[in-house]
């Protein structure tokens, strides 16, 4: 089953990539240029892999709050459940 949105995105990507002869460095540079010229807000999720490497833990680690009580912190919301 074909999805028209997916087809449109793939068509754009193929046309864009062909303009740069499929050179990944040139494609990346152009995407960064487009991003820097955009007025749209950008979201940075931060260094998840570096955090894991530094702490040696998963961002969803279960932590003890009180003896016998467990909770899980979410890296997306920062909230404790």
Foldseek 3Di string as FASTA:
>chain_A
DDDPVVVVVVVVVVVLCVVVVVDPVVSVVVVVVVVVPDPDDDDDLDDQVVVCVVVVDHQFDWDDPDVPDIWTADSVVRDID
